[in-house]
Amino acid sequence: MMQFEVLSGAGYLISEFLSPLTNQRSDNYGGSFENRMRFGLEVVKAVRDAVGEDFPLIVRMNGNDFMPGGNSRLELQEYAKALSDGPVDALCINVGWHEGVPQIVACVPRGTFSYLARGIKEIVNIPVIASHRINDPKTARQLLDDGMCDMVAMSRSLIADPMLPEKTRLGKENEIMHCIACAQGCFDSLFKLKHIELPL
């Protein structure tokens, strides 16, 4: 099934409207947090109107900006509530801005940011997805069992081994090629305008 995910975090456009760090506007899209949320909520509504009611719509948003002078966890939880009251089917919880904290490298423990997903899961009535450094089925199962989230998102782990879900389904987890969080084949390649691929 196809789905659509709106990126509303990581310091990109919607995130820049949300954050007092970057939003210096004095019109209806700046100032109070209610105003700063307006752009993101309008974008999501426009996407919903375009794709229709039956098309799965996910918003990927920060659980914390981790930026001095940026959005707090409480503000982002308020934003999550507003999204969940509208036309969104699920929320995928991102981890801060790229400039904020290390997110994807090996020194970051697996699943360590899942508490941000749990903080939002506790206050919304739609599924919440945890992300970042969830690169093996064992970690994913543990987060689900502990009630940290309703689903998990994996990206770099599927670059390392696109067959990870099928190997897990067949009980062949010992055959999975794990992402080692070196960032060489993904982010390093991306910033050099190269293809994302396994490093040689």
N, C-alpha and C. Protein backbone atom coordinates (compact mmCIF):
# COMPACT_ATOMS: atom_id res chain seq x y z
N MET A 1 0.83 -1.19 0.00
CA MET A 1 0.00 0.00 0.00
C MET A 1 0.87 1.25 0.00
N MET A 2 0.54 2.18 -0.87
CA MET A 2 1.28 3.45 -0.91
C MET A 2 0.83 4.35 0.24
N GLN A 3 1.74 5.23 0.63
CA GLN A 3 1.43 6.20 1.67
C GLN A 3 2.20 7.47 1.37
N PHE A 4 1.85 8.54 2.08
CA PHE A 4 2.50 9.82 1.88
C PHE A 4 2.99 10.30 3.23
N GLU A 5 4.26 10.73 3.28
CA GLU A 5 4.82 11.24 4.53
C GLU A 5 5.27 12.68 4.33
N VAL A 6 4.76 13.56 5.16
CA VAL A 6 5.13 14.97 5.13
C VAL A 6 6.25 15.19 6.14
N LEU A 7 7.39 15.70 5.67
CA LEU A 7 8.51 15.98 6.57
C LEU A 7 8.27 17.31 7.27
N SER A 8 8.12 17.24 8.57
CA SER A 8 7.79 18.42 9.36
C SER A 8 8.81 18.63 10.48
N GLY A 9 10.03 18.13 10.27
CA GLY A 9 11.05 18.26 11.31
C GLY A 9 12.42 18.45 10.71
N ALA A 10 13.45 18.21 11.53
CA ALA A 10 14.86 18.19 11.11
C ALA A 10 15.39 19.54 10.64
N GLY A 11 14.65 20.62 10.91
CA GLY A 11 15.14 21.93 10.51
C GLY A 11 14.80 22.33 9.10
N TYR A 12 13.96 21.54 8.42
CA TYR A 12 13.54 21.89 7.07
C TYR A 12 12.37 22.89 7.13
N LEU A 13 11.70 23.15 6.01
CA LEU A 13 10.81 24.31 5.89
C LEU A 13 9.73 24.38 6.98
N ILE A 14 8.94 23.31 7.14
CA ILE A 14 7.87 23.38 8.15
C ILE A 14 8.47 23.56 9.54
N SER A 15 9.57 22.88 9.79
CA SER A 15 10.26 23.00 11.07
C SER A 15 10.74 24.43 11.30
N GLU A 16 11.16 25.09 10.22
CA GLU A 16 11.62 26.49 10.36
C GLU A 16 10.47 27.42 10.72
N PHE A 17 9.28 27.11 10.25
CA PHE A 17 8.11 27.90 10.66
C PHE A 17 7.76 27.64 12.12
N LEU A 18 7.90 26.40 12.56
CA LEU A 18 7.55 26.04 13.94
C LEU A 18 8.49 26.67 14.97
N SER A 19 9.76 26.78 14.62
CA SER A 19 10.77 27.14 15.60
C SER A 19 10.90 28.64 15.81
N PRO A 20 10.95 29.08 17.08
CA PRO A 20 11.20 30.50 17.36
C PRO A 20 12.63 30.90 16.99
N LEU A 21 13.48 29.90 16.81
CA LEU A 21 14.87 30.15 16.43
C LEU A 21 14.96 30.72 15.02
N THR A 22 14.10 30.24 14.14
CA THR A 22 14.16 30.65 12.73
C THR A 22 12.96 31.46 12.27
N ASN A 23 11.85 31.35 12.95
CA ASN A 23 10.65 32.09 12.55
C ASN A 23 10.63 33.46 13.24
N GLN A 24 10.98 34.47 12.48
CA GLN A 24 10.98 35.84 13.00
C GLN A 24 9.86 36.68 12.40
N ARG A 25 8.84 35.99 11.88
CA ARG A 25 7.75 36.69 11.21
C ARG A 25 6.88 37.45 12.22
N SER A 26 6.19 38.47 11.74
CA SER A 26 5.29 39.26 12.59
C SER A 26 3.85 39.19 12.09
N ASP A 27 3.57 38.29 11.13
CA ASP A 27 2.21 38.14 10.61
C ASP A 27 1.51 36.96 11.30
N ASN A 28 0.50 36.42 10.68
CA ASN A 28 -0.26 35.31 11.28
C ASN A 28 0.50 33.99 11.30
N TYR A 29 1.69 33.96 10.73
CA TYR A 29 2.51 32.75 10.72
C TYR A 29 3.72 32.86 11.65
N GLY A 30 3.75 33.88 12.47
CA GLY A 30 4.86 34.07 13.41
C GLY A 30 4.38 34.52 14.76
N GLY A 31 5.31 34.59 15.69
CA GLY A 31 4.96 35.04 17.04
C GLY A 31 4.58 33.89 17.94
N SER A 32 3.30 33.76 18.27
CA SER A 32 2.85 32.72 19.19
C SER A 32 3.03 31.34 18.56
N PHE A 33 3.07 30.31 19.42
CA PHE A 33 3.23 28.95 18.89
C PHE A 33 2.02 28.56 18.04
N GLU A 34 0.84 29.03 18.43
CA GLU A 34 -0.35 28.77 17.61
C GLU A 34 -0.14 29.29 16.18
N ASN A 35 0.41 30.47 16.05
CA ASN A 35 0.68 31.03 14.72
C ASN A 35 1.78 30.26 14.00
N ARG A 36 2.82 29.88 14.74
CA ARG A 36 3.95 29.18 14.11
C ARG A 36 3.55 27.78 13.64
N MET A 37 2.52 27.20 14.26
CA MET A 37 2.02 25.89 13.81
C MET A 37 1.18 26.00 12.55
N ARG A 38 0.68 27.18 12.26
CA ARG A 38 -0.31 27.37 11.21
C ARG A 38 0.15 26.84 9.85
N PHE A 39 1.39 27.15 9.46
CA PHE A 39 1.89 26.73 8.15
C PHE A 39 1.90 25.20 8.01
N GLY A 40 2.44 24.52 9.02
CA GLY A 40 2.49 23.06 8.98
C GLY A 40 1.11 22.43 8.91
N LEU A 41 0.20 22.94 9.70
CA LEU A 41 -1.16 22.40 9.70
C LEU A 41 -1.86 22.65 8.37
N GLU A 42 -1.59 23.81 7.77
CA GLU A 42 -2.19 24.09 6.47
C GLU A 42 -1.60 23.21 5.37
N VAL A 43 -0.31 22.95 5.44
CA VAL A 43 0.33 22.05 4.46
C VAL A 43 -0.29 20.66 4.55
N VAL A 44 -0.42 20.16 5.77
CA VAL A 44 -0.98 18.81 5.95
C VAL A 44 -2.42 18.76 5.46
N LYS A 45 -3.19 19.78 5.74
CA LYS A 45 -4.58 19.81 5.27
C LYS A 45 -4.63 19.83 3.73
N ALA A 46 -3.73 20.60 3.12
CA ALA A 46 -3.70 20.66 1.66
C ALA A 46 -3.32 19.32 1.05
N VAL A 47 -2.39 18.61 1.70
CA VAL A 47 -2.01 17.28 1.22
C VAL A 47 -3.19 16.32 1.35
N ARG A 48 -3.86 16.37 2.49
CA ARG A 48 -5.03 15.50 2.69
C ARG A 48 -6.10 15.80 1.63
N ASP A 49 -6.36 17.04 1.38
CA ASP A 49 -7.35 17.40 0.37
C ASP A 49 -6.96 16.87 -1.01
N ALA A 50 -5.66 16.86 -1.29
CA ALA A 50 -5.18 16.43 -2.60
C ALA A 50 -5.22 14.91 -2.76
N VAL A 51 -4.90 14.17 -1.70
CA VAL A 51 -4.81 12.70 -1.83
C VAL A 51 -6.12 11.99 -1.50
N GLY A 52 -7.03 12.65 -0.80
CA GLY A 52 -8.30 12.03 -0.44
C GLY A 52 -8.27 11.37 0.92
N GLU A 53 -9.45 11.03 1.41
CA GLU A 53 -9.60 10.51 2.78
C GLU A 53 -9.03 9.12 2.98
N ASP A 54 -8.98 8.31 1.92
CA ASP A 54 -8.58 6.91 2.07
C ASP A 54 -7.08 6.68 1.89
N PHE A 55 -6.34 7.72 1.59
CA PHE A 55 -4.90 7.58 1.35
C PHE A 55 -4.14 7.78 2.66
N PRO A 56 -3.30 6.80 3.07
CA PRO A 56 -2.57 6.93 4.35
C PRO A 56 -1.64 8.14 4.36
N LEU A 57 -1.78 8.99 5.35
CA LEU A 57 -0.98 10.21 5.46
C LEU A 57 -0.25 10.21 6.80
N ILE A 58 1.07 10.29 6.73
CA ILE A 58 1.94 10.30 7.91
C ILE A 58 2.67 11.63 7.96
N VAL A 59 2.86 12.16 9.16
CA VAL A 59 3.71 13.33 9.34
C VAL A 59 4.92 12.92 10.15
N ARG A 60 6.10 13.24 9.61
CA ARG A 60 7.35 13.01 10.34
C ARG A 60 7.73 14.32 11.02
N MET A 61 7.77 14.28 12.34
CA MET A 61 7.99 15.50 13.12
C MET A 61 9.00 15.25 14.22
N ASN A 62 9.60 16.31 14.72
CA ASN A 62 10.55 16.19 15.81
C ASN A 62 9.84 15.88 17.12
N GLY A 63 10.51 15.07 17.93
CA GLY A 63 10.06 14.90 19.31
C GLY A 63 10.72 15.92 20.20
N ASN A 64 11.86 16.44 19.76
CA ASN A 64 12.58 17.52 20.43
C ASN A 64 13.52 18.11 19.39
N ASP A 65 13.65 19.42 19.33
CA ASP A 65 14.55 20.04 18.37
C ASP A 65 16.02 19.85 18.74
N PHE A 66 16.29 19.77 20.05
CA PHE A 66 17.67 19.73 20.54
C PHE A 66 18.50 20.90 20.01
N MET A 67 17.85 22.06 19.87
CA MET A 67 18.52 23.27 19.42
C MET A 67 18.31 24.37 20.46
N PRO A 68 19.38 25.00 20.93
CA PRO A 68 19.18 26.12 21.87
C PRO A 68 18.27 27.17 21.26
N GLY A 69 17.22 27.50 21.97
CA GLY A 69 16.26 28.48 21.47
C GLY A 69 15.23 27.91 20.51
N GLY A 70 15.25 26.58 20.34
CA GLY A 70 14.30 25.93 19.45
C GLY A 70 13.05 25.47 20.19
N ASN A 71 12.29 24.58 19.54
CA ASN A 71 11.07 24.07 20.15
C ASN A 71 11.37 23.09 21.26
N SER A 72 10.61 23.18 22.33
CA SER A 72 10.72 22.24 23.43
C SER A 72 9.89 21.00 23.16
N ARG A 73 10.09 19.98 23.98
CA ARG A 73 9.26 18.76 23.87
C ARG A 73 7.79 19.09 24.06
N LEU A 74 7.48 19.99 25.01
CA LEU A 74 6.08 20.31 25.30
C LEU A 74 5.41 21.00 24.12
N GLU A 75 6.13 21.91 23.47
CA GLU A 75 5.57 22.56 22.28
C GLU A 75 5.31 21.55 21.17
N LEU A 76 6.26 20.66 20.97
CA LEU A 76 6.10 19.67 19.89
C LEU A 76 5.00 18.67 20.22
N GLN A 77 4.80 18.39 21.49
CA GLN A 77 3.66 17.54 21.87
C GLN A 77 2.35 18.26 21.55
N GLU A 78 2.32 19.56 21.76
CA GLU A 78 1.12 20.34 21.41
C GLU A 78 0.87 20.28 19.90
N TYR A 79 1.93 20.38 19.12
CA TYR A 79 1.84 20.27 17.66
C TYR A 79 1.34 18.87 17.27
N ALA A 80 1.85 17.85 17.95
CA ALA A 80 1.40 16.48 17.67
C ALA A 80 -0.09 16.32 17.93
N LYS A 81 -0.57 16.92 19.02
CA LYS A 81 -2.01 16.87 19.32
C LYS A 81 -2.82 17.53 18.21
N ALA A 82 -2.36 18.68 17.76
CA ALA A 82 -3.07 19.39 16.69
C ALA A 82 -3.10 18.56 15.41
N LEU A 83 -2.00 17.90 15.09
CA LEU A 83 -1.96 17.04 13.91
C LEU A 83 -2.89 15.85 14.06
N SER A 84 -2.89 15.26 15.24
CA SER A 84 -3.70 14.06 15.46
C SER A 84 -5.19 14.37 15.47
N ASP A 85 -5.54 15.61 15.78
CA ASP A 85 -6.95 16.02 15.74
C ASP A 85 -7.41 16.30 14.31
N GLY A 86 -6.45 16.42 13.41
CA GLY A 86 -6.77 16.72 12.02
C GLY A 86 -6.74 15.49 11.14
N PRO A 87 -6.29 15.66 9.91
CA PRO A 87 -6.41 14.59 8.92
C PRO A 87 -5.21 13.65 8.83
N VAL A 88 -4.47 13.45 9.92
CA VAL A 88 -3.25 12.65 9.88
C VAL A 88 -3.53 11.24 10.42
N ASP A 89 -2.96 10.23 9.75
CA ASP A 89 -3.19 8.83 10.14
C ASP A 89 -2.15 8.31 11.12
N ALA A 90 -0.95 8.87 11.11
CA ALA A 90 0.12 8.42 12.01
C ALA A 90 1.19 9.50 12.10
N LEU A 91 1.98 9.44 13.17
CA LEU A 91 3.09 10.36 13.37
C LEU A 91 4.38 9.56 13.48
N CYS A 92 5.39 9.96 12.71
CA CYS A 92 6.72 9.34 12.79
C CYS A 92 7.63 10.34 13.49
N ILE A 93 8.20 9.93 14.62
CA ILE A 93 8.91 10.88 15.48
C ILE A 93 10.40 10.92 15.14
N ASN A 94 10.79 12.09 14.70
CA ASN A 94 12.17 12.37 14.29
C ASN A 94 12.95 12.90 15.49
N VAL A 95 14.26 12.98 15.33
CA VAL A 95 15.14 13.40 16.43
C VAL A 95 15.87 14.67 16.06
N GLY A 96 15.31 15.80 16.45
CA GLY A 96 16.02 17.06 16.34
C GLY A 96 16.45 17.50 14.96
N TRP A 97 17.22 18.56 14.95
CA TRP A 97 17.83 19.08 13.74
C TRP A 97 19.17 18.38 13.55
N HIS A 98 19.64 18.33 12.33
CA HIS A 98 20.94 17.70 12.07
C HIS A 98 22.06 18.40 12.83
N GLU A 99 21.89 19.69 13.08
CA GLU A 99 22.91 20.46 13.79
C GLU A 99 22.86 20.23 15.29
N GLY A 100 21.79 19.58 15.78
CA GLY A 100 21.55 19.50 17.21
C GLY A 100 22.36 18.46 17.95
N VAL A 101 22.07 17.20 17.70
CA VAL A 101 22.73 16.10 18.41
C VAL A 101 23.08 15.00 17.41
N PRO A 102 24.09 14.16 17.71
CA PRO A 102 24.34 13.00 16.85
C PRO A 102 23.09 12.11 16.82
N GLN A 103 22.75 11.61 15.64
CA GLN A 103 21.51 10.85 15.49
C GLN A 103 21.71 9.45 14.95
N ILE A 104 22.63 9.29 14.00
CA ILE A 104 22.67 8.03 13.25
C ILE A 104 24.00 7.30 13.33
N VAL A 105 24.96 7.84 14.06
CA VAL A 105 26.29 7.22 14.08
C VAL A 105 26.39 6.18 15.19
N ALA A 106 27.45 5.39 15.14
CA ALA A 106 27.57 4.21 15.99
C ALA A 106 27.63 4.53 17.48
N CYS A 107 28.06 5.75 17.85
CA CYS A 107 28.14 6.09 19.27
C CYS A 107 26.75 6.30 19.89
N VAL A 108 25.71 6.38 19.06
CA VAL A 108 24.34 6.55 19.56
C VAL A 108 23.74 5.17 19.82
N PRO A 109 23.35 4.85 21.04
CA PRO A 109 22.80 3.52 21.34
C PRO A 109 21.53 3.24 20.55
N ARG A 110 21.31 1.99 20.23
CA ARG A 110 20.13 1.60 19.46
C ARG A 110 18.84 1.91 20.23
N GLY A 111 17.92 2.55 19.53
CA GLY A 111 16.61 2.83 20.11
C GLY A 111 16.60 3.89 21.19
N THR A 112 17.70 4.61 21.36
CA THR A 112 17.81 5.51 22.50
C THR A 112 16.84 6.69 22.47
N PHE A 113 16.37 7.07 21.29
CA PHE A 113 15.46 8.21 21.19
C PHE A 113 13.99 7.81 21.22
N SER A 114 13.71 6.56 21.50
CA SER A 114 12.32 6.09 21.48
C SER A 114 11.46 6.76 22.56
N TYR A 115 12.09 7.29 23.61
CA TYR A 115 11.32 7.97 24.66
C TYR A 115 10.56 9.17 24.09
N LEU A 116 11.09 9.76 23.02
CA LEU A 116 10.39 10.89 22.40
C LEU A 116 9.09 10.42 21.75
N ALA A 117 9.13 9.24 21.14
CA ALA A 117 7.92 8.66 20.56
C ALA A 117 6.91 8.33 21.65
N ARG A 118 7.40 7.76 22.74
CA ARG A 118 6.48 7.40 23.83
C ARG A 118 5.80 8.63 24.41
N GLY A 119 6.55 9.73 24.55
CA GLY A 119 5.97 10.96 25.09
C GLY A 119 4.82 11.48 24.24
N ILE A 120 4.88 11.23 22.95
CA ILE A 120 3.80 11.65 22.06
C ILE A 120 2.71 10.59 21.99
N LYS A 121 3.10 9.33 22.00
CA LYS A 121 2.12 8.24 21.97
C LYS A 121 1.14 8.34 23.13
N GLU A 122 1.61 8.81 24.26
CA GLU A 122 0.78 8.91 25.46
C GLU A 122 -0.31 9.98 25.36
N ILE A 123 -0.20 10.88 24.39
CA ILE A 123 -1.15 12.00 24.36
C ILE A 123 -1.95 12.10 23.07
N VAL A 124 -1.71 11.22 22.11
CA VAL A 124 -2.47 11.28 20.85
C VAL A 124 -3.26 9.99 20.66
N ASN A 125 -4.20 10.03 19.74
CA ASN A 125 -5.08 8.87 19.51
C ASN A 125 -4.86 8.23 18.14
N ILE A 126 -3.66 8.44 17.58
CA ILE A 126 -3.30 7.81 16.32
C ILE A 126 -1.97 7.08 16.52
N PRO A 127 -1.63 6.13 15.65
CA PRO A 127 -0.37 5.40 15.82
C PRO A 127 0.86 6.31 15.77
N VAL A 128 1.85 5.95 16.58
CA VAL A 128 3.10 6.70 16.66
C VAL A 128 4.26 5.75 16.30
N ILE A 129 5.14 6.25 15.45
CA ILE A 129 6.26 5.47 14.94
C ILE A 129 7.55 6.01 15.53
N ALA A 130 8.38 5.13 16.08
CA ALA A 130 9.70 5.52 16.58
C ALA A 130 10.73 5.36 15.47
N SER A 131 11.75 6.22 15.49
CA SER A 131 12.78 6.14 14.45
C SER A 131 14.15 6.45 15.03
N HIS A 132 15.17 6.26 14.26
CA HIS A 132 16.57 6.52 14.55
C HIS A 132 17.22 5.40 15.37
N ARG A 133 18.25 4.84 14.77
CA ARG A 133 19.07 3.79 15.40
C ARG A 133 18.23 2.58 15.82
N ILE A 134 17.25 2.26 15.00
CA ILE A 134 16.49 1.01 15.18
C ILE A 134 16.83 0.17 13.95
N ASN A 135 17.89 -0.61 14.07
CA ASN A 135 18.39 -1.28 12.87
C ASN A 135 18.46 -2.79 12.99
N ASP A 136 17.68 -3.35 13.91
CA ASP A 136 17.61 -4.80 13.98
C ASP A 136 16.27 -5.21 14.58
N PRO A 137 15.78 -6.39 14.23
CA PRO A 137 14.46 -6.83 14.72
C PRO A 137 14.37 -6.93 16.24
N LYS A 138 15.46 -7.29 16.89
CA LYS A 138 15.42 -7.42 18.35
C LYS A 138 15.10 -6.09 19.02
N THR A 139 15.78 -5.03 18.57
CA THR A 139 15.51 -3.70 19.13
C THR A 139 14.08 -3.28 18.84
N ALA A 140 13.63 -3.53 17.61
CA ALA A 140 12.27 -3.16 17.23
C ALA A 140 11.24 -3.86 18.11
N ARG A 141 11.42 -5.17 18.31
CA ARG A 141 10.46 -5.92 19.14
C ARG A 141 10.47 -5.40 20.58
N GLN A 142 11.65 -5.07 21.10
CA GLN A 142 11.75 -4.59 22.47
C GLN A 142 10.99 -3.27 22.65
N LEU A 143 11.13 -2.37 21.69
CA LEU A 143 10.44 -1.08 21.78
C LEU A 143 8.93 -1.28 21.72
N LEU A 144 8.48 -2.18 20.87
CA LEU A 144 7.04 -2.46 20.77
C LEU A 144 6.53 -3.11 22.06
N ASP A 145 7.29 -4.08 22.56
CA ASP A 145 6.89 -4.77 23.79
C ASP A 145 6.83 -3.82 24.99
N ASP A 146 7.73 -2.84 25.01
CA ASP A 146 7.79 -1.89 26.12
C ASP A 146 6.78 -0.75 25.97
N GLY A 147 6.00 -0.74 24.90
CA GLY A 147 5.01 0.30 24.70
C GLY A 147 5.58 1.65 24.35
N MET A 148 6.78 1.67 23.79
CA MET A 148 7.40 2.94 23.41
C MET A 148 6.77 3.54 22.16
N CYS A 149 6.17 2.69 21.33
CA CYS A 149 5.64 3.12 20.04
C CYS A 149 4.66 2.06 19.54
N ASP A 150 4.00 2.38 18.45
CA ASP A 150 3.09 1.43 17.80
C ASP A 150 3.75 0.74 16.61
N MET A 151 4.74 1.42 16.01
CA MET A 151 5.49 0.89 14.89
C MET A 151 6.91 1.44 14.96
N VAL A 152 7.81 0.86 14.17
CA VAL A 152 9.16 1.39 14.08
C VAL A 152 9.48 1.71 12.63
N ALA A 153 10.33 2.71 12.43
CA ALA A 153 10.79 3.08 11.10
C ALA A 153 12.25 2.68 10.96
N MET A 154 12.56 2.03 9.86
CA MET A 154 13.95 1.67 9.55
C MET A 154 14.29 2.22 8.17
N SER A 155 15.46 2.80 8.05
CA SER A 155 15.89 3.32 6.76
C SER A 155 17.25 2.77 6.38
N ARG A 156 18.27 3.18 7.12
CA ARG A 156 19.62 2.75 6.78
C ARG A 156 19.78 1.24 6.92
N SER A 157 19.04 0.64 7.82
CA SER A 157 19.10 -0.82 7.96
C SER A 157 18.60 -1.51 6.69
N LEU A 158 17.66 -0.86 5.98
CA LEU A 158 17.15 -1.45 4.73
C LEU A 158 18.05 -1.13 3.54
N ILE A 159 18.88 -0.09 3.68
CA ILE A 159 19.92 0.12 2.67
C ILE A 159 20.96 -0.98 2.81
N ALA A 160 21.35 -1.29 4.05
CA ALA A 160 22.34 -2.34 4.30
C ALA A 160 21.81 -3.71 3.88
N ASP A 161 20.53 -3.96 4.14
CA ASP A 161 19.95 -5.25 3.76
C ASP A 161 18.46 -5.07 3.44
N PRO A 162 18.13 -4.89 2.16
CA PRO A 162 16.73 -4.71 1.76
C PRO A 162 15.84 -5.91 2.10
N MET A 163 16.46 -7.06 2.36
CA MET A 163 15.70 -8.27 2.67
C MET A 163 15.49 -8.45 4.17
N LEU A 164 15.83 -7.45 4.97
CA LEU A 164 15.69 -7.56 6.43
C LEU A 164 14.30 -7.99 6.86
N PRO A 165 13.24 -7.36 6.37
CA PRO A 165 11.90 -7.79 6.82
C PRO A 165 11.59 -9.23 6.45
N GLU A 166 11.97 -9.66 5.25
CA GLU A 166 11.69 -11.02 4.83
C GLU A 166 12.51 -12.03 5.62
N LYS A 167 13.78 -11.72 5.87
CA LYS A 167 14.60 -12.61 6.68
C LYS A 167 14.04 -12.73 8.09
N THR A 168 13.52 -11.64 8.61
CA THR A 168 12.90 -11.67 9.94
C THR A 168 11.65 -12.54 9.92
N ARG A 169 10.83 -12.36 8.90
CA ARG A 169 9.60 -13.14 8.78
C ARG A 169 9.89 -14.64 8.69
N LEU A 170 10.97 -14.99 8.02
CA LEU A 170 11.30 -16.40 7.82
C LEU A 170 12.15 -16.99 8.94
N GLY A 171 12.42 -16.18 9.98
CA GLY A 171 13.23 -16.68 11.09
C GLY A 171 14.70 -16.82 10.74
N LYS A 172 15.18 -15.98 9.82
CA LYS A 172 16.58 -16.05 9.39
C LYS A 172 17.33 -14.78 9.81
N GLU A 173 17.09 -14.34 11.02
CA GLU A 173 17.69 -13.09 11.48
C GLU A 173 19.21 -13.18 11.54
N ASN A 174 19.75 -14.39 11.69
CA ASN A 174 21.21 -14.54 11.72
C ASN A 174 21.85 -14.24 10.36
N GLU A 175 21.04 -14.14 9.32
CA GLU A 175 21.56 -13.85 7.98
C GLU A 175 21.46 -12.37 7.61
N ILE A 176 20.93 -11.56 8.51
CA ILE A 176 20.76 -10.13 8.22
C ILE A 176 22.12 -9.42 8.18
N MET A 177 22.31 -8.60 7.16
CA MET A 177 23.48 -7.71 7.10
C MET A 177 23.10 -6.41 7.80
N HIS A 178 23.69 -6.16 8.94
CA HIS A 178 23.28 -5.01 9.76
C HIS A 178 23.99 -3.72 9.36
N CYS A 179 23.25 -2.63 9.42
CA CYS A 179 23.84 -1.30 9.32
C CYS A 179 24.75 -1.10 10.52
N ILE A 180 25.98 -0.65 10.28
CA ILE A 180 26.92 -0.44 11.38
C ILE A 180 27.02 1.04 11.76
N ALA A 181 26.13 1.86 11.21
CA ALA A 181 26.04 3.28 11.55
C ALA A 181 27.33 4.03 11.26
N CYS A 182 27.94 3.72 10.13
CA CYS A 182 29.16 4.44 9.74
C CYS A 182 28.83 5.73 8.99
N ALA A 183 27.61 5.82 8.43
CA ALA A 183 27.12 6.97 7.68
C ALA A 183 27.90 7.23 6.39
N GLN A 184 28.78 6.32 6.00
CA GLN A 184 29.61 6.54 4.81
C GLN A 184 28.82 6.34 3.52
N GLY A 185 27.95 5.35 3.49
CA GLY A 185 27.22 5.08 2.26
C GLY A 185 25.95 5.89 2.11
N CYS A 186 25.48 6.47 3.21
CA CYS A 186 24.22 7.23 3.15
C CYS A 186 24.49 8.73 3.21
N PHE A 187 24.68 9.28 4.40
CA PHE A 187 24.82 10.74 4.52
C PHE A 187 26.07 11.26 3.83
N ASP A 188 27.21 10.57 3.99
CA ASP A 188 28.43 11.05 3.35
C ASP A 188 28.26 11.10 1.84
N SER A 189 27.62 10.07 1.28
CA SER A 189 27.39 10.06 -0.17
C SER A 189 26.42 11.15 -0.58
N LEU A 190 25.37 11.32 0.21
CA LEU A 190 24.35 12.31 -0.11
C LEU A 190 24.94 13.71 -0.20
N PHE A 191 25.78 14.06 0.75
CA PHE A 191 26.35 15.40 0.77
C PHE A 191 27.39 15.61 -0.33
N LYS A 192 27.85 14.51 -0.92
CA LYS A 192 28.76 14.60 -2.08
C LYS A 192 28.00 14.47 -3.40
N LEU A 193 26.66 14.47 -3.31
CA LEU A 193 25.78 14.32 -4.47
C LEU A 193 26.04 13.02 -5.21
N LYS A 194 26.33 11.96 -4.45
CA LYS A 194 26.53 10.63 -4.99
C LYS A 194 25.35 9.74 -4.65
N HIS A 195 25.28 8.57 -5.29
CA HIS A 195 24.22 7.62 -4.98
C HIS A 195 24.37 7.11 -3.55
N ILE A 196 23.23 6.88 -2.90
CA ILE A 196 23.25 6.24 -1.58
C ILE A 196 23.43 4.75 -1.80
N GLU A 197 24.49 4.18 -1.22
CA GLU A 197 24.78 2.76 -1.44
C GLU A 197 25.69 2.28 -0.33
N LEU A 198 25.89 0.96 -0.28
CA LEU A 198 26.81 0.40 0.71
C LEU A 198 28.22 0.86 0.42
N PRO A 199 28.98 1.28 1.45
CA PRO A 199 30.37 1.65 1.21
C PRO A 199 31.20 0.41 0.88
N LEU A 200 32.18 0.59 0.01
CA LEU A 200 33.05 -0.53 -0.38
C LEU A 200 34.16 -0.72 0.63
